[in-house]
Protein backbone atom coordinates (compact mmCIF):
# COMPACT_ATOMS: atom_id res chain seq x y z
CA UNK A 1 40.52 3.02 8.68
CA UNK A 2 37.37 5.07 8.38
CA UNK A 3 34.34 3.15 9.65
CA UNK A 4 32.06 4.75 7.07
CA UNK A 5 34.28 3.46 4.28
CA UNK A 6 34.15 -0.06 5.69
CA UNK A 7 30.36 -0.01 5.95
CA UNK A 8 30.01 1.31 2.40
CA UNK A 9 32.44 -1.28 1.10
CA UNK A 10 30.54 -4.05 2.86
CA UNK A 11 27.18 -2.82 1.55
CA UNK A 12 28.19 -2.34 -2.06
CA UNK A 13 30.92 -4.92 -2.16
CA UNK A 14 30.64 -8.01 -4.30
CA UNK A 15 31.84 -11.45 -3.31
CA UNK A 16 33.96 -13.39 -5.77
CA UNK A 17 33.44 -16.99 -6.63
CA UNK A 18 34.10 -19.24 -9.53
CA UNK A 19 30.84 -18.22 -11.22
CA UNK A 20 31.38 -14.46 -10.99
CA UNK A 21 33.48 -11.78 -12.61
CA UNK A 22 33.75 -8.07 -12.13
CA UNK A 23 31.91 -7.45 -15.37
CA UNK A 24 29.03 -9.90 -15.18
CA UNK A 25 26.27 -10.76 -12.77
CA UNK A 26 27.08 -14.04 -11.03
CA UNK A 27 24.86 -16.95 -11.83
CA UNK A 28 23.08 -18.96 -9.16
CA UNK A 29 25.88 -19.47 -6.61
CA UNK A 30 24.43 -22.77 -5.40
CA UNK A 31 27.13 -25.40 -5.48
CA UNK A 32 24.76 -28.33 -4.99
CA UNK A 33 23.31 -29.69 -8.30
CA UNK A 34 19.53 -29.65 -8.54
CA UNK A 35 19.26 -33.43 -8.53
CA UNK A 36 21.22 -33.59 -5.26
CA UNK A 37 19.08 -31.14 -3.29
CA UNK A 38 17.71 -32.68 -0.11
CA UNK A 39 14.12 -32.48 1.17
CA UNK A 40 13.29 -30.36 4.23
CA UNK A 41 10.39 -32.35 5.68
CA UNK A 42 9.73 -35.92 4.60
CA UNK A 43 9.81 -35.98 0.81
CA UNK A 44 8.96 -32.27 0.47
CA UNK A 45 11.61 -29.96 -0.95
CA UNK A 46 11.75 -26.44 0.41
CA UNK A 47 10.11 -25.05 -2.74
CA UNK A 48 7.21 -27.50 -2.51
CA UNK A 49 6.69 -26.89 1.20
CA UNK A 50 6.94 -23.11 0.80
CA UNK A 51 4.45 -23.15 -2.07
CA UNK A 52 1.90 -25.13 -0.05
CA UNK A 53 2.32 -22.92 3.01
CA UNK A 54 2.13 -19.66 1.03
CA UNK A 55 -0.90 -20.91 -0.86
CA UNK A 56 -2.73 -21.91 2.34
CA UNK A 57 -2.02 -18.55 3.99
CA UNK A 58 -3.12 -16.68 0.85
CA UNK A 59 -6.40 -18.60 0.74
CA UNK A 60 -7.04 -17.96 4.43
CA UNK A 61 -6.29 -14.26 3.91
CA UNK A 62 -8.67 -14.07 0.96
CA UNK A 63 -11.51 -15.68 2.92
CA UNK A 64 -11.06 -13.38 5.92
CA UNK A 65 -10.87 -10.15 3.89
CA UNK A 66 -13.70 -11.20 1.57
CA UNK A 67 -16.10 -11.21 4.52
CA UNK A 68 -15.14 -7.64 5.43
CA UNK A 69 -15.33 -6.39 1.83
CA UNK A 70 -18.72 -8.01 1.21
CA UNK A 71 -20.08 -6.39 4.38
CA UNK A 72 -18.88 -2.95 3.28
CA UNK A 73 -20.23 -3.48 -0.23
CA UNK A 74 -23.67 -4.49 1.06
CA UNK A 75 -23.75 -1.54 3.47
CA UNK A 76 -22.40 1.04 1.05
CA UNK A 77 -23.94 4.06 2.76
CA UNK A 78 -20.92 6.32 2.33
CA UNK A 79 -19.39 5.64 -1.11
CA UNK A 80 -16.70 8.32 -0.85
CA UNK A 81 -15.20 6.86 2.31
CA UNK A 82 -16.02 3.20 1.85
CA UNK A 83 -14.46 2.87 -1.59
CA UNK A 84 -11.18 3.96 0.01
CA UNK A 85 -11.73 1.48 2.84
CA UNK A 86 -12.30 -1.37 0.37
CA UNK A 87 -9.12 -0.38 -1.51
CA UNK A 88 -7.15 -0.57 1.71
CA UNK A 89 -8.67 -3.94 2.61
CA UNK A 90 -7.78 -5.27 -0.86
CA UNK A 91 -4.10 -4.67 -0.11
CA UNK A 92 -3.95 -7.79 2.06
CA UNK A 93 -5.18 -10.35 -0.50
CA UNK A 94 -3.12 -8.55 -3.17
CA UNK A 95 0.07 -9.00 -1.19
CA UNK A 96 -0.85 -12.56 -0.21
CA UNK A 97 -1.62 -13.54 -3.82
CA UNK A 98 1.57 -12.14 -5.33
CA UNK A 99 3.66 -13.51 -2.46
CA UNK A 100 2.30 -16.95 -3.32
CA UNK A 101 3.00 -16.46 -7.03
CA UNK A 102 6.56 -15.33 -6.32
CA UNK A 103 7.19 -18.44 -4.24
CA UNK A 104 5.47 -20.77 -6.70
CA UNK A 105 6.87 -19.44 -9.99
CA UNK A 106 10.62 -19.46 -9.52
CA UNK A 107 11.51 -18.08 -12.93
CA UNK A 108 9.06 -15.18 -12.68
CA UNK A 109 9.83 -14.21 -9.08
CA UNK A 110 12.02 -11.20 -9.81
CA UNK A 111 9.51 -9.93 -12.34
CA UNK A 112 6.63 -10.10 -9.84
CA UNK A 113 8.22 -8.95 -6.60
CA UNK A 114 7.68 -5.23 -7.23
CA UNK A 115 3.93 -5.84 -7.60
CA UNK A 116 3.80 -5.79 -3.81
CA UNK A 117 4.80 -2.13 -3.68
CA UNK A 118 2.28 -1.28 -6.38
CA UNK A 119 -0.51 -2.64 -4.20
CA UNK A 120 0.89 -0.78 -1.18
CA UNK A 121 1.00 2.47 -3.14
CA UNK A 122 -2.71 2.23 -3.98
CA UNK A 123 -3.55 1.56 -0.35
CA UNK A 124 -1.50 4.45 1.01
CA UNK A 125 -2.97 6.84 -1.57
CA UNK A 126 -6.46 5.70 -0.61
CA UNK A 127 -5.59 6.20 3.04
CA UNK A 128 -4.58 9.83 2.51
CA UNK A 129 -7.87 10.52 0.68
CA UNK A 130 -9.72 8.78 3.50
CA UNK A 131 -8.05 11.08 6.04
CA UNK A 132 -9.18 14.07 3.99
CA UNK A 133 -12.72 12.69 3.95
CA UNK A 134 -12.64 12.24 7.72
CA UNK A 135 -11.71 15.90 8.20
CA UNK A 136 -14.43 16.96 5.77
CA UNK A 137 -17.03 14.92 7.67
CA UNK A 138 -16.71 17.28 10.64
CA UNK A 139 -18.66 20.53 10.90
CA UNK A 140 -16.55 23.16 9.16
CA UNK A 141 -14.32 20.44 7.79
CA UNK A 142 -13.68 22.20 4.49
CA UNK A 143 -12.30 25.25 6.25
CA UNK A 144 -10.26 23.00 8.52
CA UNK A 145 -8.62 21.42 5.50
CA UNK A 146 -8.17 24.39 3.20
CA UNK A 147 -8.16 27.37 5.57
CA UNK A 148 -10.76 29.67 7.08
CA UNK A 149 -13.27 30.93 4.56
CA UNK A 150 -12.37 28.35 1.94
CA UNK A 151 -15.93 26.96 1.81
CA UNK A 152 -17.22 30.37 0.70
CA UNK A 153 -14.88 30.73 -2.27
CA UNK A 154 -14.36 27.13 -3.28
CA UNK A 155 -15.92 27.73 -6.68
CA UNK A 156 -13.63 30.67 -7.33
CA UNK A 157 -10.55 28.57 -7.89
CA UNK A 158 -9.04 28.83 -4.41
CA UNK A 159 -5.62 27.15 -4.25
CA UNK A 160 -4.68 24.56 -1.66
CA UNK A 161 -2.45 25.61 1.26
CA UNK A 162 1.26 24.84 0.86
CA UNK A 163 1.42 22.41 3.78
CA UNK A 164 -1.34 20.30 2.26
CA UNK A 165 0.30 20.32 -1.17
CA UNK A 166 3.60 19.11 0.31
CA UNK A 167 1.90 16.26 2.17
CA UNK A 168 -0.30 15.48 -0.83
CA UNK A 169 2.56 15.02 -3.31
CA UNK A 170 4.90 13.35 -0.82
CA UNK A 171 2.33 10.65 -0.18
CA UNK A 172 0.96 10.23 -3.69
CA UNK A 173 4.40 10.06 -5.38
CA UNK A 174 4.55 6.47 -4.15
CA UNK A 175 1.94 5.44 -6.75
CA UNK A 176 3.80 6.46 -9.94
CA UNK A 177 7.20 5.61 -8.44
CA UNK A 178 6.07 2.04 -7.69
CA UNK A 179 4.91 1.63 -11.28
CA UNK A 180 8.20 2.99 -12.62
CA UNK A 181 10.27 0.77 -10.31
CA UNK A 182 8.22 -2.30 -11.29
CA UNK A 183 8.72 -1.58 -15.01
CA UNK A 184 12.41 -0.73 -14.53
CA UNK A 185 12.93 -3.95 -12.57
CA UNK A 186 11.29 -6.07 -15.26
CA UNK A 187 13.33 -4.41 -18.00
CA UNK A 188 16.64 -4.63 -16.12
CA UNK A 189 16.02 -8.29 -15.28
CA UNK A 190 15.20 -9.03 -18.92
CA UNK A 191 18.35 -7.36 -20.27
CA UNK A 192 20.58 -8.80 -17.54
CA UNK A 193 21.58 -5.68 -15.57
CA UNK A 194 19.38 -6.18 -12.49
CA UNK A 195 21.49 -8.79 -10.68
CA UNK A 196 19.79 -9.52 -7.39
CA UNK A 197 22.88 -11.53 -6.41
CA UNK A 198 25.03 -8.40 -6.21
CA UNK A 199 24.85 -5.01 -4.50
CA UNK A 200 27.50 -3.43 -6.70
CA UNK A 201 26.55 0.05 -7.92
CA UNK A 202 26.99 -1.00 -11.55
CA UNK A 203 23.84 -3.12 -11.34
CA UNK A 204 20.28 -1.78 -11.13
CA UNK A 205 19.24 -3.84 -8.11
CA UNK A 206 20.73 -1.73 -5.32
CA UNK A 207 19.58 1.57 -6.84
CA UNK A 208 16.03 0.38 -7.35
CA UNK A 209 15.97 -0.83 -3.76
CA UNK A 210 17.17 2.55 -2.49
CA UNK A 211 14.56 4.39 -4.58
CA UNK A 212 11.85 2.10 -3.29
CA UNK A 213 12.81 2.52 0.35
CA UNK A 214 13.01 6.31 -0.02
CA UNK A 215 9.65 6.54 -1.80
CA UNK A 216 7.94 4.36 0.80
CA UNK A 217 9.42 6.35 3.65
CA UNK A 218 8.30 9.70 2.20
CA UNK A 219 4.75 8.41 1.72
CA UNK A 220 4.44 7.04 5.26
CA UNK A 221 5.92 10.17 6.84
CA UNK A 222 3.54 12.36 4.82
CA UNK A 223 0.46 10.51 6.10
CA UNK A 224 1.81 10.64 9.65
CA UNK A 225 2.41 14.39 9.25
CA UNK A 226 -1.21 14.87 8.10
CA UNK A 227 -2.45 13.01 11.13
CA UNK A 228 -0.26 15.06 13.45
CA UNK A 229 -1.56 18.34 12.00
CA UNK A 230 -5.22 17.29 12.11
CA UNK A 231 -5.11 15.15 15.23
CA UNK A 232 -8.07 16.83 16.90
CA UNK A 233 -10.36 16.40 13.88
CA UNK A 234 -9.23 12.81 13.34
CA UNK A 235 -9.36 11.73 16.99
CA UNK A 236 -12.85 10.09 16.80
CA UNK A 237 -11.77 7.88 13.88
CA UNK A 238 -9.02 5.83 15.62
CA UNK A 239 -6.62 6.78 12.85
CA UNK A 240 -3.48 5.44 14.56
CA UNK A 241 -4.95 1.92 14.68
CA UNK A 242 -5.81 2.19 10.98
CA UNK A 243 -2.37 3.71 10.32
CA UNK A 244 -0.41 0.81 11.81
CA UNK A 245 -2.89 -1.86 10.69
CA UNK A 246 -1.97 -1.62 7.00
CA UNK A 247 1.29 0.35 7.07
CA UNK A 248 2.82 -2.54 8.97
CA UNK A 249 2.47 -4.50 5.73
CA UNK A 250 4.33 -1.81 3.80
CA UNK A 251 7.07 -1.61 6.38
CA UNK A 252 7.54 -5.37 6.66
CA UNK A 253 7.67 -5.78 2.89
CA UNK A 254 10.30 -3.08 2.47
CA UNK A 255 12.45 -4.14 5.44
CA UNK A 256 12.37 -7.88 4.81
CA UNK A 257 13.20 -7.60 1.12
CA UNK A 258 15.95 -5.04 1.68
CA UNK A 259 17.63 -6.79 4.63
CA UNK A 260 17.54 -10.23 3.03
CA UNK A 261 18.85 -8.75 -0.23
CA UNK A 262 21.81 -7.18 1.60
CA UNK A 263 22.55 -10.38 3.54
CA UNK A 264 22.40 -12.55 0.43
CA UNK A 265 24.44 -10.11 -1.63
CA UNK A 266 27.22 -10.23 0.96
CA UNK A 267 27.14 -14.02 1.49
CA UNK A 268 25.86 -13.67 5.04
CA UNK A 269 22.98 -15.92 4.05
CA UNK A 270 23.95 -18.60 1.57
CA UNK A 271 22.15 -21.32 -0.38
CA UNK A 272 22.40 -24.79 1.13
CA UNK A 273 21.65 -28.36 0.18
CA UNK A 274 18.06 -27.66 1.27
CA UNK A 275 17.53 -24.20 -0.25
CA UNK A 276 18.53 -22.90 -3.66
CA UNK A 277 19.62 -19.34 -4.35
CA UNK A 278 16.10 -18.45 -5.49
CA UNK A 279 14.67 -19.95 -2.31
CA UNK A 280 16.88 -17.74 -0.17
CA UNK A 281 16.82 -14.51 -2.19
CA UNK A 282 13.25 -14.30 -3.50
CA UNK A 283 11.04 -17.03 -2.05
CA UNK A 284 11.99 -16.61 1.63
CA UNK A 285 10.88 -12.96 2.13
CA UNK A 286 7.72 -13.63 0.08
CA UNK A 287 6.93 -16.71 2.16
CA UNK A 288 7.37 -14.70 5.36
CA UNK A 289 5.05 -12.02 4.01
CA UNK A 290 2.38 -14.54 2.93
CA UNK A 291 2.39 -16.12 6.41
CA UNK A 292 1.93 -12.71 8.01
CA UNK A 293 -1.07 -11.73 5.92
CA UNK A 294 -3.84 -13.66 7.79
CA UNK A 295 -2.87 -11.80 10.96
CA UNK A 296 -2.97 -8.45 9.17
CA UNK A 297 -6.34 -9.38 7.67
CA UNK A 298 -7.81 -9.84 11.15
CA UNK A 299 -6.29 -6.56 12.35
CA UNK A 300 -7.72 -4.66 9.37
CA UNK A 301 -11.23 -5.99 10.04
CA UNK A 302 -11.10 -4.44 13.52
CA UNK A 303 -9.43 -1.26 12.24
CA UNK A 304 -12.04 -0.64 9.50
CA UNK A 305 -15.35 -1.92 10.95
CA UNK A 306 -18.50 -1.81 8.88
CA UNK A 307 -20.75 -1.19 11.88
CA UNK A 308 -20.07 2.55 11.87
CA UNK A 309 -21.68 2.80 8.42
CA UNK A 310 -24.87 1.13 9.60
CA UNK A 311 -27.44 3.64 10.80
CA UNK A 312 -31.17 3.46 11.33
CA UNK A 313 -33.03 4.77 8.29
CA UNK A 314 -29.82 4.97 6.24
CA UNK A 315 -30.04 2.81 3.13
CA UNK A 316 -27.08 1.92 0.87
CA UNK A 317 -26.30 4.55 -1.76
CA UNK A 318 -25.33 1.82 -4.24
CA UNK A 319 -25.53 -1.95 -4.63
CA UNK A 320 -22.66 -4.39 -3.94
CA UNK A 321 -21.65 -4.61 -7.63
CA UNK A 322 -21.57 -0.83 -8.00
CA UNK A 323 -19.56 -0.59 -4.78
CA UNK A 324 -16.90 -2.93 -6.12
CA UNK A 325 -16.79 -1.10 -9.45
CA UNK A 326 -16.21 2.19 -7.65
CA UNK A 327 -13.46 0.66 -5.51
CA UNK A 328 -11.63 -0.85 -8.49
CA UNK A 329 -11.96 2.35 -10.51
CA UNK A 330 -8.74 4.09 -9.46
CA UNK A 331 -8.95 6.98 -11.92
CA UNK A 332 -9.23 9.38 -8.96
CA UNK A 333 -5.86 8.14 -7.68
CA UNK A 334 -4.30 8.30 -11.13
CA UNK A 335 -5.39 11.91 -11.57
CA UNK A 336 -4.31 13.14 -8.13
CA UNK A 337 -1.17 14.84 -9.43
CA UNK A 338 -3.09 16.62 -12.18
CA UNK A 339 -6.09 17.74 -10.16
CA UNK A 340 -4.41 18.43 -6.84
CA UNK A 341 -6.04 18.47 -3.38
CA UNK A 342 -8.59 21.23 -3.84
CA UNK A 343 -10.03 20.05 -7.16
CA UNK A 344 -10.13 16.39 -6.21
CA UNK A 345 -11.81 17.04 -2.85
CA UNK A 346 -14.30 19.36 -4.51
CA UNK A 347 -15.15 16.61 -7.01
CA UNK A 348 -15.57 14.21 -4.12
CA UNK A 349 -17.94 16.62 -2.40
CA UNK A 350 -20.08 16.70 -5.52
CA UNK A 351 -20.03 12.92 -5.40
CA UNK A 352 -21.17 13.02 -1.78
CA UNK A 353 -24.06 15.25 -2.79
CA UNK A 354 -25.09 13.00 -5.69
CA UNK A 355 -24.93 9.84 -3.56
CA UNK A 356 -26.56 11.59 -0.57
CA UNK A 357 -23.92 10.06 1.70
CA UNK A 358 -23.12 13.47 3.22
CA UNK A 359 -24.89 16.84 3.04
CA UNK A 360 -22.66 19.75 2.01
CA UNK A 361 -22.04 22.90 4.07
CA UNK A 362 -23.54 26.07 2.70
CA UNK A 363 -21.66 29.38 2.74
CA UNK A 364 -23.35 30.51 5.90
CA UNK A 365 -22.34 27.39 7.82
CA UNK A 366 -25.67 25.60 7.29
CA UNK A 367 -25.87 22.38 5.39
CA UNK A 368 -27.79 22.44 2.16
CA UNK A 369 -29.57 19.51 0.66
CA UNK A 370 -29.66 18.91 -3.07
CA UNK A 371 -32.81 20.90 -3.35
CA UNK A 372 -31.21 23.89 -1.63
CA UNK A 373 -32.93 23.54 1.75
CA UNK A 374 -31.06 23.67 5.04
CA UNK A 375 -30.23 20.29 6.45
CA UNK A 376 -28.37 18.93 9.45
CA UNK A 377 -24.73 19.89 10.14
CA UNK A 378 -21.97 18.26 8.13
CA UNK A 379 -21.10 14.97 9.80
CA UNK A 380 -24.60 14.50 11.20
CA UNK A 381 -25.49 11.50 13.34
CA UNK A 382 -27.17 9.48 10.61
CA UNK A 383 -23.65 8.88 9.31
CA UNK A 384 -21.58 8.22 12.43
CA UNK A 385 -17.87 8.87 12.49
CA UNK A 386 -15.47 6.08 11.71
């Protein structure tokens, strides 16, 4: 018999038990009554132990990342870049917090699980904009990004190159798709057609998982493609370390949820007298993710150091409160599809000029200050490269 058919049947097949039919989503397949569940350690049930462990890891993650965020906010010398850095750093406590809530609140777990991808989508969108800012920080960076001569005609409505548009929309589609998948998941769970216990095509669960995996993959590949094309300009910024530091979170989240979902749906992993169906299907991958977050928090601190934004005679362009407001204001990410690369980057350049975090290149290659006088080259030493 064809191997492909067997694999497909195994993936989308649905086990039969006394609680399931072909037309309905099976209920919790746990055969052990709730009052007969046995503790895992001492008197602690798995849910209690998992909640404590996830909560402790989430708190540790929050404390570690808070130190890094406060340091960036108090040394906010480059608002355009550092607001993206803070957004990326915020991914770790976001994932840790919602992982804890998913473990703790059993009934709300399936409604909350897609919040993880929403946080990842903001971080990956911010990362793409940060890569664009890194290229722009080099001398002639605008021409490097948009083509030779682009800096001279930027105000004449020059369009973005096709390669940049493809990368731009491939990466940024993750943001709206994550919102749609989260809403679709909540609705399908509420009306009873989600069915995380089954991978049959008639239920929404498997299709939403496939969409999520595809969207995540496209976004990651797009950022990697951008790095590959602008490797020389990005070399001083240790982009690969930054790339794997936070994209590991995205990859682990997608892989762990998908693999465990497949294994549970095919009865490879089953509930036991120690773990309920919810513990296996929803709490286990979230617990694993929560425990991994303190390690990722430490890696991100080294990947996005604040020291590079400290320079002699360079004072913060905004206070800590303003820095946090700018980081939480994601209207630039929400408007990326409407404005496109050229318009958004041009708006960011105007922001650089207003905040004095970077001087802008004049048409003749010189850098002009706000008053119109020649300044140092774009990417000058007072603002070292990241």
